[in-house]
Amino acid sequence: MDRTTINRELRTQFWPLLTAAGFERKGDIARRRLDGGVVHVVEVQHRPRSSVFQVHLGVHLLSLGGVAGGVPPEPDALREYDCAWRGSIIAGFRNASDAEFAYGRTAEEATESVAFLASEWERQSAAFFGPLTAFPDDFDTRARQVIAEAPHPAHMRTWARVALLLADEELAREIAAAALPRVAERATALREDLAAIADGV
């Protein structure tokens, strides 16, 4: 089928779930603004040539500023790629990280594809958004877990910045120090940022 058919199914089966959860939709993007400057983003991205669509998720903390530095877009203009934390609803048809939902060859298959998305929404969205909802409490909890989890050093820099927003300079230094040994040799800007945090600059 085509994008028009899928969009009709999304309007019927999917977007109402988000509206009920407090999101406001504009086109293919829905945003939920929460206390403490937290914004949740859901963005549907279509790939018509491949006859698939994806549902991307994002969380941003406005006080962090832009992901790449500077001022972020206005909250009502945030896209998934503007967010510090990003993910997707996983379809899992091909493998455990597959995020593509098929348009389907018939209207019935399009209906089934969106029905599967709708059935996965509550579970997967809760797992992604739930731990990143209430500022400062949720973010303080996650920041304290990040050293043991050891994600990519760039993500650890974000969490070190969160710790600074929480006025926990000691935690910020610990996160940065734990990330530094794993920074790629050529990632000089990342290394400099983490070193400055670790040194308390």
N, C-alpha and C. Protein backbone atom coordinates (compact mmCIF):
# COMPACT_ATOMS: atom_id res chain seq x y z
N MET A 1 0.85 -1.19 0.00
CA MET A 1 0.00 0.00 0.00
C MET A 1 0.88 1.24 0.00
N ASP A 2 0.28 2.41 0.30
CA ASP A 2 1.02 3.66 0.19
C ASP A 2 0.94 4.46 1.49
N ARG A 3 1.64 5.58 1.48
CA ARG A 3 1.70 6.44 2.67
C ARG A 3 0.31 6.95 3.07
N THR A 4 -0.51 7.26 2.09
CA THR A 4 -1.85 7.76 2.38
C THR A 4 -2.66 6.74 3.19
N THR A 5 -2.56 5.48 2.79
CA THR A 5 -3.29 4.42 3.51
C THR A 5 -2.77 4.29 4.93
N ILE A 6 -1.45 4.29 5.08
CA ILE A 6 -0.86 4.17 6.42
C ILE A 6 -1.23 5.37 7.28
N ASN A 7 -1.19 6.56 6.72
CA ASN A 7 -1.55 7.75 7.50
C ASN A 7 -3.00 7.68 7.98
N ARG A 8 -3.88 7.15 7.15
CA ARG A 8 -5.28 6.98 7.56
C ARG A 8 -5.36 6.02 8.74
N GLU A 9 -4.61 4.94 8.67
CA GLU A 9 -4.61 3.98 9.77
C GLU A 9 -3.98 4.57 11.04
N LEU A 10 -2.92 5.36 10.86
CA LEU A 10 -2.31 6.01 12.02
C LEU A 10 -3.29 6.96 12.70
N ARG A 11 -4.03 7.72 11.90
CA ARG A 11 -5.02 8.63 12.48
C ARG A 11 -6.10 7.88 13.24
N THR A 12 -6.43 6.70 12.77
CA THR A 12 -7.49 5.92 13.41
C THR A 12 -7.00 5.16 14.63
N GLN A 13 -5.83 4.52 14.50
CA GLN A 13 -5.39 3.56 15.53
C GLN A 13 -4.29 4.06 16.45
N PHE A 14 -3.42 4.93 15.94
CA PHE A 14 -2.21 5.25 16.70
C PHE A 14 -2.25 6.62 17.36
N TRP A 15 -2.49 7.67 16.58
CA TRP A 15 -2.43 9.00 17.17
C TRP A 15 -3.38 9.19 18.35
N PRO A 16 -4.58 8.60 18.35
CA PRO A 16 -5.44 8.76 19.54
C PRO A 16 -4.80 8.22 20.83
N LEU A 17 -3.95 7.21 20.71
CA LEU A 17 -3.26 6.69 21.90
C LEU A 17 -2.33 7.76 22.48
N LEU A 18 -1.68 8.50 21.61
CA LEU A 18 -0.76 9.53 22.07
C LEU A 18 -1.51 10.71 22.66
N THR A 19 -2.61 11.09 22.01
CA THR A 19 -3.44 12.18 22.54
C THR A 19 -3.92 11.84 23.95
N ALA A 20 -4.32 10.59 24.14
CA ALA A 20 -4.78 10.15 25.46
C ALA A 20 -3.65 10.19 26.49
N ALA A 21 -2.40 10.09 26.01
CA ALA A 21 -1.25 10.10 26.92
C ALA A 21 -0.67 11.51 27.09
N GLY A 22 -1.37 12.53 26.57
CA GLY A 22 -0.94 13.90 26.81
C GLY A 22 -0.08 14.52 25.72
N PHE A 23 0.07 13.84 24.60
CA PHE A 23 0.84 14.40 23.49
C PHE A 23 -0.04 15.32 22.65
N GLU A 24 0.61 16.32 22.04
CA GLU A 24 -0.06 17.19 21.07
C GLU A 24 0.59 16.94 19.73
N ARG A 25 -0.24 16.63 18.73
CA ARG A 25 0.26 16.23 17.43
C ARG A 25 0.23 17.38 16.44
N LYS A 26 1.31 17.49 15.65
CA LYS A 26 1.36 18.38 14.50
C LYS A 26 1.97 17.58 13.36
N GLY A 27 1.15 17.23 12.39
CA GLY A 27 1.64 16.43 11.28
C GLY A 27 2.08 15.06 11.74
N ASP A 28 3.32 14.71 11.42
CA ASP A 28 3.87 13.40 11.78
C ASP A 28 4.63 13.42 13.10
N ILE A 29 4.50 14.50 13.88
CA ILE A 29 5.24 14.64 15.13
C ILE A 29 4.27 14.95 16.27
N ALA A 30 4.49 14.29 17.40
CA ALA A 30 3.71 14.58 18.60
C ALA A 30 4.68 14.90 19.73
N ARG A 31 4.32 15.90 20.53
CA ARG A 31 5.19 16.32 21.62
C ARG A 31 4.39 16.40 22.91
N ARG A 32 5.09 16.09 24.00
CA ARG A 32 4.49 16.18 25.33
C ARG A 32 5.43 16.98 26.22
N ARG A 33 4.99 18.15 26.66
CA ARG A 33 5.81 18.99 27.54
C ARG A 33 5.46 18.68 28.99
N LEU A 34 6.51 18.45 29.79
CA LEU A 34 6.33 18.08 31.19
C LEU A 34 7.01 19.10 32.09
N ASP A 35 6.70 19.04 33.36
CA ASP A 35 7.33 19.93 34.33
C ASP A 35 8.84 19.71 34.33
N GLY A 36 9.57 20.75 34.67
CA GLY A 36 11.02 20.65 34.77
C GLY A 36 11.74 20.79 33.45
N GLY A 37 11.01 21.17 32.39
CA GLY A 37 11.65 21.36 31.10
C GLY A 37 11.92 20.08 30.33
N VAL A 38 11.16 19.02 30.63
CA VAL A 38 11.30 17.75 29.92
C VAL A 38 10.31 17.75 28.75
N VAL A 39 10.79 17.35 27.58
CA VAL A 39 9.92 17.23 26.40
C VAL A 39 10.06 15.83 25.83
N HIS A 40 8.94 15.16 25.62
CA HIS A 40 8.90 13.86 24.95
C HIS A 40 8.44 14.08 23.51
N VAL A 41 9.11 13.40 22.58
CA VAL A 41 8.80 13.56 21.16
C VAL A 41 8.58 12.19 20.52
N VAL A 42 7.54 12.11 19.70
CA VAL A 42 7.29 10.92 18.89
C VAL A 42 7.20 11.39 17.45
N GLU A 43 8.01 10.80 16.58
CA GLU A 43 8.05 11.23 15.19
C GLU A 43 7.94 10.03 14.26
N VAL A 44 6.93 10.07 13.41
CA VAL A 44 6.76 9.04 12.40
C VAL A 44 7.52 9.47 11.15
N GLN A 45 8.41 8.60 10.68
CA GLN A 45 9.18 8.89 9.47
C GLN A 45 8.87 7.82 8.43
N HIS A 46 8.50 8.31 7.24
CA HIS A 46 8.13 7.42 6.15
C HIS A 46 9.28 7.24 5.18
N ARG A 47 9.38 6.04 4.64
CA ARG A 47 10.31 5.75 3.54
C ARG A 47 9.49 5.11 2.42
N PRO A 48 8.76 5.96 1.67
CA PRO A 48 7.82 5.44 0.68
C PRO A 48 8.46 4.53 -0.37
N ARG A 49 9.69 4.83 -0.76
CA ARG A 49 10.33 3.99 -1.78
C ARG A 49 10.55 2.56 -1.29
N SER A 50 10.73 2.42 0.01
CA SER A 50 10.89 1.09 0.59
C SER A 50 9.59 0.55 1.16
N SER A 51 8.54 1.38 1.09
CA SER A 51 7.22 0.98 1.60
C SER A 51 7.25 0.62 3.08
N VAL A 52 7.98 1.43 3.86
CA VAL A 52 8.05 1.22 5.31
C VAL A 52 7.95 2.56 6.03
N PHE A 53 7.64 2.48 7.31
CA PHE A 53 7.69 3.67 8.17
C PHE A 53 8.30 3.27 9.51
N GLN A 54 8.82 4.27 10.20
CA GLN A 54 9.41 4.05 11.51
C GLN A 54 8.81 5.03 12.50
N VAL A 55 8.82 4.67 13.76
CA VAL A 55 8.33 5.54 14.82
C VAL A 55 9.48 5.79 15.78
N HIS A 56 10.02 7.01 15.72
CA HIS A 56 11.18 7.37 16.53
C HIS A 56 10.74 8.14 17.78
N LEU A 57 11.48 7.93 18.84
CA LEU A 57 11.18 8.54 20.13
C LEU A 57 12.34 9.42 20.58
N GLY A 58 12.03 10.49 21.25
CA GLY A 58 13.09 11.35 21.77
C GLY A 58 12.68 11.98 23.09
N VAL A 59 13.68 12.22 23.93
CA VAL A 59 13.48 12.97 25.18
C VAL A 59 14.54 14.05 25.22
N HIS A 60 14.10 15.25 25.53
CA HIS A 60 15.08 16.32 25.70
C HIS A 60 14.80 17.07 26.99
N LEU A 61 15.88 17.51 27.61
CA LEU A 61 15.83 18.33 28.80
C LEU A 61 16.25 19.73 28.36
N LEU A 62 15.32 20.65 28.34
CA LEU A 62 15.55 21.96 27.73
C LEU A 62 16.74 22.69 28.36
N SER A 63 16.97 22.47 29.64
CA SER A 63 18.08 23.17 30.30
C SER A 63 19.44 22.69 29.84
N LEU A 64 19.50 21.57 29.10
CA LEU A 64 20.78 21.11 28.53
C LEU A 64 21.20 21.98 27.36
N GLY A 65 20.27 22.71 26.76
CA GLY A 65 20.58 23.44 25.53
C GLY A 65 20.54 22.49 24.35
N GLY A 66 21.18 22.89 23.26
CA GLY A 66 21.20 22.05 22.07
C GLY A 66 22.09 20.84 22.24
N VAL A 67 21.76 19.77 21.54
CA VAL A 67 22.55 18.54 21.62
C VAL A 67 23.99 18.80 21.19
N ALA A 68 24.16 19.59 20.13
CA ALA A 68 25.49 19.89 19.61
C ALA A 68 26.00 21.24 20.11
N GLY A 69 25.42 21.73 21.18
CA GLY A 69 25.81 23.03 21.70
C GLY A 69 24.86 24.10 21.20
N GLY A 70 24.89 25.24 21.86
CA GLY A 70 24.02 26.32 21.44
C GLY A 70 22.60 26.17 21.95
N VAL A 71 21.72 26.93 21.34
CA VAL A 71 20.33 26.97 21.77
C VAL A 71 19.52 25.93 20.99
N PRO A 72 18.72 25.13 21.68
CA PRO A 72 17.90 24.14 20.97
C PRO A 72 16.71 24.82 20.31
N PRO A 73 16.03 24.12 19.40
CA PRO A 73 14.79 24.67 18.85
C PRO A 73 13.77 24.92 19.96
N GLU A 74 12.79 25.73 19.66
CA GLU A 74 11.70 25.93 20.61
C GLU A 74 11.04 24.57 20.91
N PRO A 75 10.51 24.40 22.11
CA PRO A 75 9.91 23.11 22.47
C PRO A 75 8.88 22.61 21.47
N ASP A 76 8.10 23.53 20.91
CA ASP A 76 7.06 23.13 19.97
C ASP A 76 7.61 22.81 18.59
N ALA A 77 8.93 22.97 18.41
CA ALA A 77 9.56 22.66 17.12
C ALA A 77 10.58 21.53 17.24
N LEU A 78 10.73 20.97 18.43
CA LEU A 78 11.71 19.90 18.63
C LEU A 78 11.39 18.70 17.75
N ARG A 79 12.42 18.19 17.10
CA ARG A 79 12.32 16.95 16.34
C ARG A 79 13.02 15.86 17.13
N GLU A 80 12.80 14.62 16.74
CA GLU A 80 13.45 13.50 17.43
C GLU A 80 14.96 13.64 17.41
N TYR A 81 15.53 14.10 16.29
CA TYR A 81 16.99 14.20 16.18
C TYR A 81 17.56 15.37 16.98
N ASP A 82 16.71 16.24 17.52
CA ASP A 82 17.17 17.33 18.38
C ASP A 82 17.34 16.88 19.82
N CYS A 83 16.90 15.68 20.12
CA CYS A 83 16.81 15.23 21.51
C CYS A 83 18.10 14.58 21.99
N ALA A 84 18.37 14.73 23.28
CA ALA A 84 19.56 14.13 23.89
C ALA A 84 19.44 12.62 23.99
N TRP A 85 18.22 12.12 24.16
CA TRP A 85 17.99 10.67 24.27
C TRP A 85 17.04 10.27 23.16
N ARG A 86 17.42 9.23 22.41
CA ARG A 86 16.66 8.85 21.24
C ARG A 86 16.46 7.34 21.19
N GLY A 87 15.37 6.92 20.61
CA GLY A 87 15.09 5.51 20.45
C GLY A 87 14.03 5.32 19.39
N SER A 88 13.51 4.12 19.28
CA SER A 88 12.48 3.80 18.30
C SER A 88 11.56 2.73 18.86
N ILE A 89 10.35 2.69 18.34
CA ILE A 89 9.49 1.55 18.60
C ILE A 89 10.00 0.42 17.72
N ILE A 90 10.31 -0.70 18.31
CA ILE A 90 10.92 -1.81 17.58
C ILE A 90 9.83 -2.74 17.04
N ALA A 91 9.87 -2.90 15.72
CA ALA A 91 8.92 -3.83 15.10
C ALA A 91 9.37 -5.27 15.33
N GLY A 92 10.69 -5.51 15.18
CA GLY A 92 11.24 -6.82 15.45
C GLY A 92 10.91 -7.90 14.45
N PHE A 93 10.49 -7.50 13.27
CA PHE A 93 10.12 -8.52 12.28
C PHE A 93 11.33 -9.27 11.75
N ARG A 94 12.46 -8.57 11.59
CA ARG A 94 13.66 -9.21 11.04
C ARG A 94 14.69 -9.55 12.11
N ASN A 95 14.83 -8.66 13.08
CA ASN A 95 15.79 -8.89 14.17
C ASN A 95 15.38 -8.03 15.35
N ALA A 96 16.13 -8.14 16.43
CA ALA A 96 15.74 -7.48 17.68
C ALA A 96 15.88 -5.96 17.65
N SER A 97 16.53 -5.42 16.61
CA SER A 97 16.67 -3.96 16.53
C SER A 97 15.91 -3.36 15.35
N ASP A 98 15.16 -4.18 14.65
CA ASP A 98 14.43 -3.74 13.46
C ASP A 98 13.29 -2.79 13.84
N ALA A 99 13.36 -1.55 13.33
CA ALA A 99 12.36 -0.55 13.66
C ALA A 99 11.45 -0.21 12.49
N GLU A 100 11.45 -1.03 11.45
CA GLU A 100 10.66 -0.73 10.26
C GLU A 100 9.33 -1.48 10.27
N PHE A 101 8.25 -0.71 10.06
CA PHE A 101 6.92 -1.28 9.91
C PHE A 101 6.55 -1.20 8.43
N ALA A 102 6.07 -2.30 7.88
CA ALA A 102 5.76 -2.36 6.45
C ALA A 102 4.43 -1.70 6.14
N TYR A 103 4.36 -1.03 5.01
CA TYR A 103 3.09 -0.50 4.53
C TYR A 103 2.13 -1.64 4.23
N GLY A 104 2.65 -2.76 3.79
CA GLY A 104 1.82 -3.89 3.41
C GLY A 104 1.40 -3.81 1.95
N ARG A 105 1.01 -4.94 1.43
CA ARG A 105 0.62 -5.00 0.01
C ARG A 105 -0.86 -4.71 -0.20
N THR A 106 -1.64 -4.82 0.86
CA THR A 106 -3.08 -4.60 0.78
C THR A 106 -3.53 -3.69 1.92
N ALA A 107 -4.75 -3.18 1.82
CA ALA A 107 -5.29 -2.34 2.89
C ALA A 107 -5.38 -3.12 4.19
N GLU A 108 -5.68 -4.40 4.09
CA GLU A 108 -5.76 -5.24 5.30
C GLU A 108 -4.40 -5.36 5.96
N GLU A 109 -3.37 -5.54 5.16
CA GLU A 109 -2.02 -5.64 5.73
C GLU A 109 -1.58 -4.30 6.33
N ALA A 110 -1.97 -3.19 5.73
CA ALA A 110 -1.66 -1.88 6.31
C ALA A 110 -2.34 -1.73 7.67
N THR A 111 -3.58 -2.16 7.74
CA THR A 111 -4.32 -2.11 9.01
C THR A 111 -3.62 -2.96 10.06
N GLU A 112 -3.19 -4.15 9.68
CA GLU A 112 -2.51 -5.04 10.62
C GLU A 112 -1.18 -4.47 11.08
N SER A 113 -0.45 -3.83 10.18
CA SER A 113 0.85 -3.26 10.54
C SER A 113 0.69 -2.18 11.61
N VAL A 114 -0.28 -1.28 11.38
CA VAL A 114 -0.50 -0.21 12.36
C VAL A 114 -1.11 -0.78 13.65
N ALA A 115 -1.92 -1.81 13.53
CA ALA A 115 -2.48 -2.45 14.73
C ALA A 115 -1.37 -3.04 15.60
N PHE A 116 -0.35 -3.61 14.95
CA PHE A 116 0.77 -4.15 15.72
C PHE A 116 1.52 -3.02 16.41
N LEU A 117 1.76 -1.91 15.69
CA LEU A 117 2.38 -0.74 16.32
C LEU A 117 1.58 -0.30 17.53
N ALA A 118 0.28 -0.17 17.37
CA ALA A 118 -0.57 0.27 18.47
C ALA A 118 -0.49 -0.68 19.66
N SER A 119 -0.39 -1.98 19.36
CA SER A 119 -0.33 -2.96 20.45
C SER A 119 1.00 -2.87 21.21
N GLU A 120 2.05 -2.40 20.55
CA GLU A 120 3.37 -2.29 21.17
C GLU A 120 3.59 -0.94 21.84
N TRP A 121 2.76 0.03 21.53
CA TRP A 121 3.00 1.40 21.97
C TRP A 121 3.15 1.52 23.49
N GLU A 122 2.18 1.04 24.23
CA GLU A 122 2.20 1.26 25.67
C GLU A 122 3.43 0.64 26.32
N ARG A 123 3.74 -0.58 25.98
CA ARG A 123 4.88 -1.27 26.60
C ARG A 123 6.20 -0.60 26.24
N GLN A 124 6.42 -0.36 24.96
CA GLN A 124 7.71 0.18 24.54
C GLN A 124 7.87 1.66 24.89
N SER A 125 6.80 2.42 24.79
CA SER A 125 6.92 3.84 25.13
C SER A 125 7.14 4.02 26.63
N ALA A 126 6.49 3.18 27.43
CA ALA A 126 6.69 3.27 28.88
C ALA A 126 8.13 2.94 29.25
N ALA A 127 8.71 1.95 28.57
CA ALA A 127 10.10 1.58 28.86
C ALA A 127 11.07 2.69 28.48
N PHE A 128 10.77 3.41 27.41
CA PHE A 128 11.66 4.48 26.96
C PHE A 128 11.43 5.77 27.72
N PHE A 129 10.18 6.22 27.76
CA PHE A 129 9.89 7.52 28.37
C PHE A 129 9.85 7.47 29.90
N GLY A 130 9.41 6.34 30.45
CA GLY A 130 9.19 6.25 31.89
C GLY A 130 10.35 6.72 32.75
N PRO A 131 11.59 6.22 32.50
CA PRO A 131 12.72 6.63 33.33
C PRO A 131 13.22 8.05 33.06
N LEU A 132 12.63 8.73 32.07
CA LEU A 132 13.06 10.08 31.70
C LEU A 132 11.84 10.99 31.64
N THR A 133 11.15 11.07 32.76
CA THR A 133 9.90 11.83 32.79
C THR A 133 9.94 12.96 33.80
N ALA A 134 10.31 12.66 35.03
CA ALA A 134 10.25 13.66 36.10
C ALA A 134 11.63 14.24 36.39
N PHE A 135 11.76 15.54 36.20
CA PHE A 135 13.01 16.20 36.55
C PHE A 135 12.79 16.95 37.87
N PRO A 136 13.68 16.76 38.85
CA PRO A 136 15.01 16.16 38.76
C PRO A 136 15.11 14.67 39.11
N ASP A 137 14.08 14.11 39.75
CA ASP A 137 14.23 12.79 40.37
C ASP A 137 14.64 11.68 39.39
N ASP A 138 13.89 11.53 38.29
CA ASP A 138 14.22 10.46 37.33
C ASP A 138 15.63 10.62 36.77
N PHE A 139 16.00 11.85 36.48
CA PHE A 139 17.29 12.11 35.85
C PHE A 139 18.44 11.91 36.85
N ASP A 140 18.19 12.21 38.10
CA ASP A 140 19.19 11.95 39.13
C ASP A 140 19.42 10.44 39.26
N THR A 141 18.33 9.68 39.26
CA THR A 141 18.44 8.22 39.36
C THR A 141 19.22 7.64 38.19
N ARG A 142 18.88 8.08 36.96
CA ARG A 142 19.57 7.57 35.78
C ARG A 142 21.03 7.98 35.75
N ALA A 143 21.32 9.19 36.17
CA ALA A 143 22.71 9.65 36.16
C ALA A 143 23.57 8.79 37.08
N ARG A 144 23.00 8.34 38.18
CA ARG A 144 23.76 7.51 39.13
C ARG A 144 23.96 6.09 38.62
N GLN A 145 23.19 5.68 37.64
CA GLN A 145 23.33 4.33 37.08
C GLN A 145 24.30 4.27 35.91
N VAL A 146 24.64 5.42 35.35
CA VAL A 146 25.31 5.42 34.05
C VAL A 146 26.75 4.90 34.11
N ILE A 147 27.43 5.04 35.23
CA ILE A 147 28.82 4.56 35.30
C ILE A 147 28.84 3.04 35.17
N ALA A 148 27.93 2.38 35.86
CA ALA A 148 27.89 0.92 35.77
C ALA A 148 27.44 0.45 34.39
N GLU A 149 26.56 1.20 33.74
CA GLU A 149 26.06 0.82 32.43
C GLU A 149 27.08 1.06 31.33
N ALA A 150 27.92 2.07 31.51
CA ALA A 150 29.00 2.39 30.57
C ALA A 150 28.54 2.51 29.11
N PRO A 151 27.60 3.42 28.82
CA PRO A 151 27.22 3.64 27.42
C PRO A 151 28.35 4.36 26.68
N HIS A 152 28.12 4.72 25.45
CA HIS A 152 29.12 5.45 24.67
C HIS A 152 29.56 6.70 25.42
N PRO A 153 30.85 7.06 25.35
CA PRO A 153 31.33 8.25 26.07
C PRO A 153 30.55 9.53 25.76
N ALA A 154 30.03 9.66 24.54
CA ALA A 154 29.24 10.85 24.22
C ALA A 154 27.96 10.90 25.06
N HIS A 155 27.36 9.74 25.31
CA HIS A 155 26.18 9.70 26.16
C HIS A 155 26.56 9.97 27.61
N MET A 156 27.72 9.51 27.99
CA MET A 156 28.18 9.78 29.36
C MET A 156 28.45 11.27 29.55
N ARG A 157 28.92 11.96 28.50
CA ARG A 157 29.08 13.41 28.60
C ARG A 157 27.73 14.07 28.86
N THR A 158 26.70 13.60 28.17
CA THR A 158 25.36 14.16 28.41
C THR A 158 24.95 13.96 29.86
N TRP A 159 25.20 12.75 30.39
CA TRP A 159 24.82 12.50 31.77
C TRP A 159 25.67 13.29 32.75
N ALA A 160 26.92 13.53 32.41
CA ALA A 160 27.75 14.39 33.26
C ALA A 160 27.17 15.81 33.28
N ARG A 161 26.69 16.27 32.14
CA ARG A 161 26.06 17.59 32.07
C ARG A 161 24.77 17.61 32.90
N VAL A 162 24.03 16.51 32.87
CA VAL A 162 22.83 16.42 33.70
C VAL A 162 23.21 16.53 35.17
N ALA A 163 24.27 15.82 35.57
CA ALA A 163 24.71 15.88 36.97
C ALA A 163 25.06 17.31 37.36
N LEU A 164 25.66 18.06 36.45
CA LEU A 164 25.96 19.46 36.74
C LEU A 164 24.68 20.27 36.92
N LEU A 165 23.67 19.99 36.10
CA LEU A 165 22.38 20.67 36.26
C LEU A 165 21.75 20.34 37.61
N LEU A 166 22.06 19.14 38.10
CA LEU A 166 21.54 18.71 39.41
C LEU A 166 22.40 19.24 40.56
N ALA A 167 23.43 20.03 40.21
CA ALA A 167 24.36 20.60 41.19
C ALA A 167 25.13 19.52 41.93
N ASP A 168 25.39 18.40 41.26
CA ASP A 168 26.18 17.33 41.84
C ASP A 168 27.50 17.24 41.08
N GLU A 169 28.41 18.12 41.42
CA GLU A 169 29.68 18.20 40.70
C GLU A 169 30.52 16.94 40.89
N GLU A 170 30.43 16.33 42.05
CA GLU A 170 31.19 15.11 42.29
C GLU A 170 30.75 13.99 41.35
N LEU A 171 29.44 13.83 41.20
CA LEU A 171 28.92 12.81 40.29
C LEU A 171 29.32 13.13 38.86
N ALA A 172 29.25 14.39 38.47
CA ALA A 172 29.65 14.78 37.12
C ALA A 172 31.10 14.41 36.85
N ARG A 173 31.97 14.67 37.82
CA ARG A 173 33.39 14.33 37.65
C ARG A 173 33.59 12.82 37.56
N GLU A 174 32.86 12.07 38.37
CA GLU A 174 32.97 10.60 38.33
C GLU A 174 32.54 10.05 36.97
N ILE A 175 31.44 10.56 36.44
CA ILE A 175 30.95 10.10 35.13
C ILE A 175 31.98 10.42 34.05
N ALA A 176 32.47 11.65 34.07
CA ALA A 176 33.44 12.07 33.06
C ALA A 176 34.72 11.25 33.15
N ALA A 177 35.20 11.02 34.36
CA ALA A 177 36.43 10.25 34.54
C ALA A 177 36.26 8.81 34.07
N ALA A 178 35.07 8.24 34.28
CA ALA A 178 34.80 6.87 33.84
C ALA A 178 34.73 6.79 32.31
N ALA A 179 34.28 7.85 31.67
CA ALA A 179 34.14 7.86 30.21
C ALA A 179 35.47 8.09 29.50
N LEU A 180 36.35 8.87 30.07
CA LEU A 180 37.57 9.30 29.38
C LEU A 180 38.41 8.17 28.80
N PRO A 181 38.66 7.09 29.53
CA PRO A 181 39.52 6.03 28.96
C PRO A 181 38.95 5.36 27.72
N ARG A 182 37.66 5.52 27.47
CA ARG A 182 37.04 4.85 26.34
C ARG A 182 36.79 5.78 25.15
N VAL A 183 37.27 7.01 25.23
CA VAL A 183 37.07 7.95 24.13
C VAL A 183 38.03 7.61 22.99
N ALA A 184 37.50 7.55 21.78
CA ALA A 184 38.33 7.26 20.61
C ALA A 184 39.41 8.33 20.45
N GLU A 185 40.56 7.92 19.96
CA GLU A 185 41.71 8.82 19.85
C GLU A 185 41.39 10.09 19.08
N ARG A 186 40.61 9.96 18.01
CA ARG A 186 40.34 11.12 17.17
C ARG A 186 39.19 11.99 17.66
N ALA A 187 38.51 11.57 18.69
CA ALA A 187 37.38 12.35 19.22
C ALA A 187 37.89 13.40 20.19
N THR A 188 38.65 14.33 19.66
CA THR A 188 39.34 15.31 20.51
C THR A 188 38.38 16.24 21.24
N ALA A 189 37.32 16.69 20.58
CA ALA A 189 36.39 17.61 21.22
C ALA A 189 35.68 16.93 22.39
N LEU A 190 35.28 15.66 22.18
CA LEU A 190 34.64 14.91 23.25
C LEU A 190 35.60 14.72 24.42
N ARG A 191 36.84 14.39 24.10
CA ARG A 191 37.84 14.20 25.15
C ARG A 191 38.05 15.49 25.94
N GLU A 192 38.13 16.61 25.24
CA GLU A 192 38.35 17.89 25.92
C GLU A 192 37.17 18.25 26.82
N ASP A 193 35.95 18.01 26.33
CA ASP A 193 34.77 18.29 27.15
C ASP A 193 34.76 17.45 28.43
N LEU A 194 35.02 16.16 28.26
CA LEU A 194 35.01 15.27 29.44
C LEU A 194 36.14 15.61 30.40
N ALA A 195 37.30 15.94 29.86
CA ALA A 195 38.43 16.29 30.73
C ALA A 195 38.13 17.55 31.53
N ALA A 196 37.48 18.51 30.90
CA ALA A 196 37.12 19.74 31.61
C ALA A 196 36.15 19.45 32.75
N ILE A 197 35.18 18.56 32.50
CA ILE A 197 34.23 18.20 33.56
C ILE A 197 34.95 17.42 34.66
N ALA A 198 35.79 16.48 34.27
CA ALA A 198 36.50 15.67 35.26
C ALA A 198 37.40 16.52 36.14
N ASP A 199 37.97 17.56 35.54
CA ASP A 199 38.86 18.46 36.28
C ASP A 199 38.11 19.56 37.03
N GLY A 200 36.79 19.57 36.86
CA GLY A 200 36.00 20.58 37.55
C GLY A 200 36.14 21.97 36.98
N VAL A 201 36.50 22.05 35.69
CA VAL A 201 36.69 23.36 35.07
C VAL A 201 35.33 23.98 34.73
